[in-house]
Each structure stands twice: as C-alpha cells, then as structure tokens.
C-alpha cells in the first residue's frame, strides 16, 4: 500500500534503538526502498540486494534488528545462495511466502495451543 507511516511504525515497534530515529530521514529512506523494490514481483526480487539495502537503512538510522530477525535474514540469504547454485529457477522468497500463507490459512486448534503453553 506504500504507506511509509505504517511501515515506519512497524519498524520502530519491531526493532531496537537507543534514541528515536529522525522521523523525516527514516520516512525518506523507506520511500526510497519502496520505490526501488515495491513494484518488483516476489519471483523477481533479489533478496540479497534488498536485504543489503534494508540493512544500510537500518544502520544509517541507528536502528538495530532483534537478534532473531537477523538470524532469519542470514538463514534466508544463505539458503538463497545455495539454491541459486543448485537450481536457479527456485525462489526462496516465493517458497517462504507460500509457507507463511499456508500457516495463516490453516485452522487453529485453540485447545492444543493452550495445552502447549
């Protein structure tokens, strides 16, 4: 939806920072990345390039990703590199998107979820 304000809110709620980033600079950086990648289809997205640009924006705005998110990004990047060597036609982002959609559409077993807590 290209809503830089909502994206900024999500970034600030998910990430860590010692002082609140400059609102105008962060929104400008978000708009830049949206202009660069926002119209690219998932199958054509070069994840490594996108993540490198995203990390630059985070660093420039003194925003730190949580460790778990950093590890996820590293894992996806490594998997994409291996898959590119083995089968260039496979897209890790598309695979991840499909699995995420499946997990959201799968009916939840509330009783089981409560037992596991």
N, C-alpha and C. Protein backbone atom coordinates (compact mmCIF):
# COMPACT_ATOMS: atom_id res chain seq x y z
N UNK A 1 0.82 -1.20 0.00
CA UNK A 1 0.00 0.00 0.00
C UNK A 1 0.86 1.26 0.00
N UNK A 2 2.19 1.08 0.05
CA UNK A 2 3.13 2.21 0.03
C UNK A 2 2.87 3.23 1.13
N UNK A 3 2.44 2.80 2.27
CA UNK A 3 2.17 3.67 3.41
C UNK A 3 3.43 3.74 4.27
N UNK A 4 4.27 4.75 4.00
CA UNK A 4 5.54 4.85 4.72
C UNK A 4 5.34 5.06 6.22
N UNK A 5 4.26 5.71 6.60
CA UNK A 5 3.97 5.91 8.02
C UNK A 5 3.73 4.59 8.74
N UNK A 6 2.95 3.71 8.14
CA UNK A 6 2.68 2.41 8.76
C UNK A 6 3.93 1.53 8.78
N UNK A 7 4.72 1.62 7.73
CA UNK A 7 5.97 0.86 7.70
C UNK A 7 6.91 1.37 8.79
N UNK A 8 6.99 2.68 8.94
CA UNK A 8 7.84 3.26 9.99
C UNK A 8 7.37 2.78 11.37
N UNK A 9 6.07 2.78 11.61
CA UNK A 9 5.54 2.29 12.88
C UNK A 9 5.94 0.84 13.12
N UNK A 10 5.83 0.01 12.08
CA UNK A 10 6.18 -1.40 12.21
C UNK A 10 7.66 -1.56 12.53
N UNK A 11 8.50 -0.83 11.81
CA UNK A 11 9.94 -0.91 12.04
C UNK A 11 10.28 -0.51 13.47
N UNK A 12 9.71 0.60 13.93
CA UNK A 12 10.02 1.09 15.27
C UNK A 12 9.47 0.17 16.36
N UNK A 13 8.39 -0.55 16.07
CA UNK A 13 7.85 -1.45 17.08
C UNK A 13 8.60 -2.79 17.12
N UNK A 14 9.19 -3.19 15.99
CA UNK A 14 9.91 -4.46 15.92
C UNK A 14 11.38 -4.35 16.29
N UNK A 15 11.95 -3.19 16.10
CA UNK A 15 13.40 -3.04 16.23
C UNK A 15 13.78 -2.28 17.49
N UNK A 16 15.08 -2.23 17.73
CA UNK A 16 15.62 -1.56 18.90
C UNK A 16 16.40 -0.33 18.46
N UNK A 17 16.42 0.68 19.31
CA UNK A 17 17.20 1.88 19.02
C UNK A 17 17.47 2.59 20.34
N UNK A 18 18.62 3.26 20.40
CA UNK A 18 18.98 3.95 21.63
C UNK A 18 18.32 5.32 21.71
N UNK A 19 18.17 5.96 20.58
CA UNK A 19 17.42 7.21 20.53
C UNK A 19 16.51 7.15 19.31
N UNK A 20 15.36 7.76 19.42
CA UNK A 20 14.39 7.68 18.33
C UNK A 20 14.99 8.26 17.05
N UNK A 21 14.91 7.49 15.97
CA UNK A 21 15.47 7.97 14.69
C UNK A 21 14.76 9.23 14.20
N UNK A 22 15.47 9.96 13.34
CA UNK A 22 14.90 11.15 12.72
C UNK A 22 13.73 10.72 11.83
N UNK A 23 12.54 11.18 12.18
CA UNK A 23 11.30 10.78 11.50
C UNK A 23 11.37 11.03 9.99
N UNK A 24 11.80 12.21 9.59
CA UNK A 24 11.83 12.59 8.17
C UNK A 24 12.83 11.73 7.39
N UNK A 25 14.03 11.53 7.96
CA UNK A 25 15.05 10.73 7.28
C UNK A 25 14.59 9.29 7.13
N UNK A 26 14.02 8.72 8.19
CA UNK A 26 13.56 7.33 8.12
C UNK A 26 12.46 7.18 7.08
N UNK A 27 11.51 8.10 7.06
CA UNK A 27 10.44 8.00 6.06
C UNK A 27 10.99 8.16 4.64
N UNK A 28 11.96 9.07 4.46
CA UNK A 28 12.58 9.22 3.14
C UNK A 28 13.29 7.94 2.71
N UNK A 29 14.00 7.30 3.66
CA UNK A 29 14.69 6.05 3.36
C UNK A 29 13.71 4.93 3.04
N UNK A 30 12.62 4.88 3.77
CA UNK A 30 11.58 3.87 3.49
C UNK A 30 10.99 4.10 2.11
N UNK A 31 10.74 5.35 1.78
CA UNK A 31 10.19 5.67 0.45
C UNK A 31 11.17 5.27 -0.66
N UNK A 32 12.46 5.47 -0.42
CA UNK A 32 13.47 5.08 -1.39
C UNK A 32 13.44 3.58 -1.64
N UNK A 33 13.38 2.80 -0.57
CA UNK A 33 13.37 1.34 -0.73
C UNK A 33 12.05 0.88 -1.36
N UNK A 34 10.96 1.54 -1.06
CA UNK A 34 9.68 1.20 -1.69
C UNK A 34 9.73 1.49 -3.19
N UNK A 35 10.32 2.62 -3.56
CA UNK A 35 10.43 2.95 -4.98
C UNK A 35 11.32 1.96 -5.72
N UNK A 36 12.35 1.48 -5.04
CA UNK A 36 13.29 0.56 -5.67
C UNK A 36 12.73 -0.85 -5.79
N UNK A 37 12.00 -1.31 -4.76
CA UNK A 37 11.58 -2.71 -4.71
C UNK A 37 10.07 -2.93 -4.68
N UNK A 38 9.31 -1.89 -4.49
CA UNK A 38 7.87 -2.03 -4.27
C UNK A 38 7.07 -2.60 -5.43
N UNK A 39 7.55 -2.43 -6.63
CA UNK A 39 6.81 -2.91 -7.80
C UNK A 39 7.37 -4.21 -8.37
N UNK A 40 8.42 -4.74 -7.72
CA UNK A 40 9.03 -5.98 -8.21
C UNK A 40 8.22 -7.16 -7.69
N UNK A 41 7.90 -8.09 -8.55
CA UNK A 41 7.19 -9.29 -8.14
C UNK A 41 8.07 -10.15 -7.25
N UNK A 42 7.45 -10.93 -6.38
CA UNK A 42 8.19 -11.77 -5.45
C UNK A 42 9.17 -12.70 -6.17
N UNK A 43 8.77 -13.21 -7.32
CA UNK A 43 9.63 -14.13 -8.06
C UNK A 43 10.86 -13.46 -8.65
N UNK A 44 10.83 -12.14 -8.81
CA UNK A 44 11.95 -11.41 -9.41
C UNK A 44 12.79 -10.66 -8.38
N UNK A 45 12.39 -10.69 -7.13
CA UNK A 45 13.10 -9.96 -6.08
C UNK A 45 14.43 -10.63 -5.79
N UNK A 46 15.50 -9.87 -5.87
CA UNK A 46 16.83 -10.35 -5.48
C UNK A 46 16.97 -10.08 -3.99
N UNK A 47 16.71 -11.10 -3.19
CA UNK A 47 16.64 -10.96 -1.75
C UNK A 47 17.91 -10.37 -1.16
N UNK A 48 19.05 -10.82 -1.64
CA UNK A 48 20.32 -10.35 -1.10
C UNK A 48 20.46 -8.84 -1.29
N UNK A 49 20.12 -8.34 -2.48
CA UNK A 49 20.22 -6.90 -2.74
C UNK A 49 19.25 -6.12 -1.86
N UNK A 50 18.02 -6.63 -1.76
CA UNK A 50 17.01 -5.97 -0.93
C UNK A 50 17.46 -5.91 0.52
N UNK A 51 17.94 -7.04 1.04
CA UNK A 51 18.36 -7.09 2.44
C UNK A 51 19.57 -6.20 2.69
N UNK A 52 20.49 -6.13 1.74
CA UNK A 52 21.65 -5.24 1.89
C UNK A 52 21.20 -3.79 1.96
N UNK A 53 20.27 -3.40 1.10
CA UNK A 53 19.74 -2.03 1.14
C UNK A 53 18.99 -1.77 2.45
N UNK A 54 18.23 -2.75 2.88
CA UNK A 54 17.49 -2.62 4.14
C UNK A 54 18.44 -2.45 5.32
N UNK A 55 19.50 -3.26 5.35
CA UNK A 55 20.48 -3.16 6.43
C UNK A 55 21.17 -1.79 6.42
N UNK A 56 21.45 -1.25 5.23
CA UNK A 56 22.05 0.09 5.14
C UNK A 56 21.13 1.14 5.76
N UNK A 57 19.84 1.03 5.45
CA UNK A 57 18.87 1.97 6.01
C UNK A 57 18.81 1.85 7.53
N UNK A 58 18.81 0.61 8.01
CA UNK A 58 18.77 0.39 9.45
C UNK A 58 20.00 1.02 10.11
N UNK A 59 21.18 0.76 9.53
CA UNK A 59 22.42 1.30 10.09
C UNK A 59 22.41 2.83 10.06
N UNK A 60 22.03 3.41 8.93
CA UNK A 60 22.03 4.86 8.78
C UNK A 60 21.08 5.55 9.76
N UNK A 61 20.03 4.84 10.16
CA UNK A 61 19.04 5.41 11.09
C UNK A 61 19.25 4.91 12.52
N UNK A 62 20.38 4.25 12.76
CA UNK A 62 20.74 3.73 14.09
C UNK A 62 19.64 2.83 14.67
N UNK A 63 19.13 1.97 13.81
CA UNK A 63 18.10 1.01 14.22
C UNK A 63 18.73 -0.37 14.20
N UNK A 64 18.48 -1.13 15.25
CA UNK A 64 19.05 -2.47 15.37
C UNK A 64 17.93 -3.49 15.31
N UNK A 65 18.09 -4.46 14.40
CA UNK A 65 17.11 -5.54 14.31
C UNK A 65 17.29 -6.48 15.49
N UNK A 66 16.19 -7.05 15.98
CA UNK A 66 16.33 -8.07 17.01
C UNK A 66 17.16 -9.24 16.50
N UNK A 67 17.88 -9.90 17.39
CA UNK A 67 18.77 -10.99 17.02
C UNK A 67 18.03 -12.08 16.23
N UNK A 68 16.82 -12.42 16.65
CA UNK A 68 16.08 -13.49 15.96
C UNK A 68 15.79 -13.12 14.51
N UNK A 69 15.49 -11.86 14.25
CA UNK A 69 15.22 -11.41 12.89
C UNK A 69 16.51 -11.40 12.06
N UNK A 70 17.61 -11.01 12.68
CA UNK A 70 18.90 -11.03 12.00
C UNK A 70 19.27 -12.45 11.60
N UNK A 71 19.04 -13.40 12.49
CA UNK A 71 19.35 -14.79 12.19
C UNK A 71 18.46 -15.32 11.06
N UNK A 72 17.20 -14.93 11.05
CA UNK A 72 16.30 -15.33 9.97
C UNK A 72 16.81 -14.81 8.63
N UNK A 73 17.19 -13.54 8.60
CA UNK A 73 17.70 -12.92 7.38
C UNK A 73 18.95 -13.65 6.90
N UNK A 74 19.87 -13.94 7.82
CA UNK A 74 21.09 -14.66 7.44
C UNK A 74 20.76 -16.03 6.87
N UNK A 75 19.85 -16.73 7.52
CA UNK A 75 19.48 -18.06 7.04
C UNK A 75 18.87 -18.01 5.65
N UNK A 76 17.96 -17.08 5.43
CA UNK A 76 17.33 -16.96 4.10
C UNK A 76 18.36 -16.60 3.04
N UNK A 77 19.29 -15.72 3.38
CA UNK A 77 20.32 -15.32 2.43
C UNK A 77 21.20 -16.50 2.05
N UNK A 78 21.61 -17.29 3.04
CA UNK A 78 22.43 -18.45 2.75
C UNK A 78 21.66 -19.48 1.92
N UNK A 79 20.40 -19.72 2.29
CA UNK A 79 19.61 -20.68 1.53
C UNK A 79 19.43 -20.22 0.09
N UNK A 80 19.20 -18.93 -0.10
CA UNK A 80 19.02 -18.42 -1.46
C UNK A 80 20.29 -18.63 -2.28
N UNK A 81 21.46 -18.41 -1.67
CA UNK A 81 22.72 -18.62 -2.37
C UNK A 81 22.91 -20.07 -2.77
N UNK A 82 22.62 -20.98 -1.87
CA UNK A 82 22.75 -22.42 -2.17
C UNK A 82 21.76 -22.82 -3.26
N UNK A 83 20.51 -22.37 -3.13
CA UNK A 83 19.51 -22.72 -4.14
C UNK A 83 19.87 -22.14 -5.51
N UNK A 84 20.46 -20.96 -5.54
CA UNK A 84 20.85 -20.35 -6.81
C UNK A 84 21.88 -21.22 -7.53
N UNK A 85 22.76 -21.85 -6.74
CA UNK A 85 23.75 -22.75 -7.33
C UNK A 85 23.12 -24.06 -7.80
N UNK A 86 22.23 -24.62 -6.98
CA UNK A 86 21.63 -25.91 -7.29
C UNK A 86 20.55 -25.84 -8.35
N UNK A 87 19.68 -24.83 -8.21
CA UNK A 87 18.55 -24.69 -9.13
C UNK A 87 18.16 -23.23 -9.23
N UNK A 88 18.71 -22.51 -10.20
CA UNK A 88 18.48 -21.07 -10.31
C UNK A 88 17.01 -20.66 -10.47
N UNK A 89 16.15 -21.59 -10.87
CA UNK A 89 14.74 -21.26 -11.08
C UNK A 89 13.95 -21.22 -9.78
N UNK A 90 14.49 -21.75 -8.69
CA UNK A 90 13.79 -21.76 -7.40
C UNK A 90 14.01 -20.43 -6.72
N UNK A 91 12.91 -19.87 -6.15
CA UNK A 91 12.98 -18.59 -5.46
C UNK A 91 12.62 -18.80 -4.00
N UNK A 92 13.57 -18.56 -3.10
CA UNK A 92 13.36 -18.79 -1.67
C UNK A 92 12.27 -17.89 -1.10
N UNK A 93 12.15 -16.68 -1.60
CA UNK A 93 11.12 -15.77 -1.10
C UNK A 93 9.74 -16.30 -1.43
N UNK A 94 9.58 -16.84 -2.61
CA UNK A 94 8.29 -17.41 -3.01
C UNK A 94 7.95 -18.64 -2.17
N UNK A 95 8.95 -19.46 -1.88
CA UNK A 95 8.72 -20.63 -1.03
C UNK A 95 8.29 -20.19 0.37
N UNK A 96 9.00 -19.22 0.93
CA UNK A 96 8.67 -18.72 2.27
C UNK A 96 7.27 -18.10 2.29
N UNK A 97 6.95 -17.32 1.25
CA UNK A 97 5.63 -16.69 1.17
C UNK A 97 4.53 -17.74 1.17
N UNK A 98 4.73 -18.78 0.38
CA UNK A 98 3.74 -19.86 0.30
C UNK A 98 3.54 -20.53 1.65
N UNK A 99 4.62 -20.82 2.35
CA UNK A 99 4.52 -21.47 3.67
C UNK A 99 3.85 -20.56 4.69
N UNK A 100 4.15 -19.29 4.65
CA UNK A 100 3.53 -18.35 5.59
C UNK A 100 2.04 -18.26 5.34
N UNK A 101 1.65 -18.16 4.07
CA UNK A 101 0.22 -18.09 3.72
C UNK A 101 -0.49 -19.36 4.18
N UNK A 102 0.14 -20.51 3.94
CA UNK A 102 -0.45 -21.78 4.37
C UNK A 102 -0.65 -21.82 5.88
N UNK A 103 0.31 -21.33 6.63
CA UNK A 103 0.20 -21.38 8.10
C UNK A 103 -0.89 -20.44 8.60
N UNK A 104 -1.11 -19.32 7.92
CA UNK A 104 -2.16 -18.39 8.34
C UNK A 104 -3.54 -18.91 7.98
N UNK A 105 -3.62 -19.67 6.90
CA UNK A 105 -4.92 -20.17 6.45
C UNK A 105 -5.31 -21.47 7.13
N UNK A 106 -4.35 -22.15 7.73
CA UNK A 106 -4.63 -23.41 8.41
C UNK A 106 -5.46 -23.13 9.66
N UNK A 107 -6.56 -23.86 9.87
CA UNK A 107 -7.38 -23.61 11.06
C UNK A 107 -6.59 -23.91 12.34
N UNK A 108 -6.74 -23.04 13.29
CA UNK A 108 -6.01 -23.19 14.56
C UNK A 108 -6.77 -24.11 15.50
N UNK A 109 -6.05 -24.92 16.23
CA UNK A 109 -6.62 -25.78 17.25
C UNK A 109 -6.34 -25.10 18.59
N UNK A 110 -7.29 -24.29 19.05
CA UNK A 110 -7.12 -23.48 20.25
C UNK A 110 -6.83 -24.36 21.46
N UNK A 111 -7.52 -25.46 21.59
CA UNK A 111 -7.31 -26.36 22.74
C UNK A 111 -5.86 -26.85 22.76
N UNK A 112 -5.36 -27.28 21.61
CA UNK A 112 -3.99 -27.76 21.51
C UNK A 112 -3.00 -26.65 21.82
N UNK A 113 -3.26 -25.46 21.30
CA UNK A 113 -2.37 -24.31 21.54
C UNK A 113 -2.29 -23.99 23.04
N UNK A 114 -3.44 -24.03 23.72
CA UNK A 114 -3.46 -23.75 25.16
C UNK A 114 -2.74 -24.84 25.95
N UNK A 115 -2.88 -26.09 25.54
CA UNK A 115 -2.18 -27.18 26.22
C UNK A 115 -0.67 -27.03 26.09
N UNK A 116 -0.21 -26.56 24.93
CA UNK A 116 1.22 -26.41 24.69
C UNK A 116 1.84 -25.27 25.51
N UNK A 117 1.00 -24.34 25.95
CA UNK A 117 1.51 -23.21 26.74
C UNK A 117 1.86 -23.69 28.09
